């Protein structure tokens, strides 16, 4: 069976959990305390 590549673009407001949902599917785990990524406001 051939491997397939899939690209996904997630859009949404800051702090809605886009990184968390990606982490859930990639690593099969969930961290409710994941640090903000690019869209963070300090």
Protein backbone atom coordinates (compact mmCIF):
# COMPACT_ATOMS: atom_id res chain seq x y z
CA UNK A 1 0.00 0.00 0.00
CA UNK A 2 1.39 3.42 -0.94
CA UNK A 3 1.79 6.18 1.63
CA UNK A 4 -0.22 9.32 1.04
CA UNK A 5 0.67 12.85 1.93
CA UNK A 6 -2.00 15.17 3.22
CA UNK A 7 -1.70 18.88 3.92
CA UNK A 8 -4.16 20.66 6.17
CA UNK A 9 -4.51 24.34 6.95
CA UNK A 10 -6.29 25.20 10.19
CA UNK A 11 -7.73 28.68 10.57
CA UNK A 12 -9.22 30.21 13.67
CA UNK A 13 -8.95 32.82 16.35
CA UNK A 14 -6.10 32.89 18.83
CA UNK A 15 -6.53 30.44 21.68
CA UNK A 16 -9.19 28.16 20.20
CA UNK A 17 -7.06 24.99 20.21
CA UNK A 18 -5.72 24.57 16.68
CA UNK A 19 -2.34 23.36 17.91
CA UNK A 20 -3.98 21.07 20.46
CA UNK A 21 -6.09 19.27 17.86
CA UNK A 22 -3.06 18.78 15.60
CA UNK A 23 -1.01 17.46 18.54
CA UNK A 24 -3.86 15.05 19.39
CA UNK A 25 -3.82 13.44 15.95
CA UNK A 26 -0.02 13.46 15.45
CA UNK A 27 1.12 12.26 18.89
CA UNK A 28 -2.12 10.56 20.03
CA UNK A 29 -2.05 12.53 23.27
CA UNK A 30 -3.64 15.68 24.65
CA UNK A 31 -1.97 18.40 26.71
CA UNK A 32 -4.44 20.96 28.06
CA UNK A 33 -1.51 23.21 28.99
CA UNK A 34 0.12 23.49 25.55
CA UNK A 35 1.99 26.78 25.10
CA UNK A 36 0.68 29.33 22.62
CA UNK A 37 2.32 29.24 19.19
CA UNK A 38 2.81 31.96 16.54
CA UNK A 39 -0.42 33.85 17.21
CA UNK A 40 0.34 34.51 20.87
CA UNK A 41 0.04 37.96 22.36
CA UNK A 42 2.46 38.92 25.13
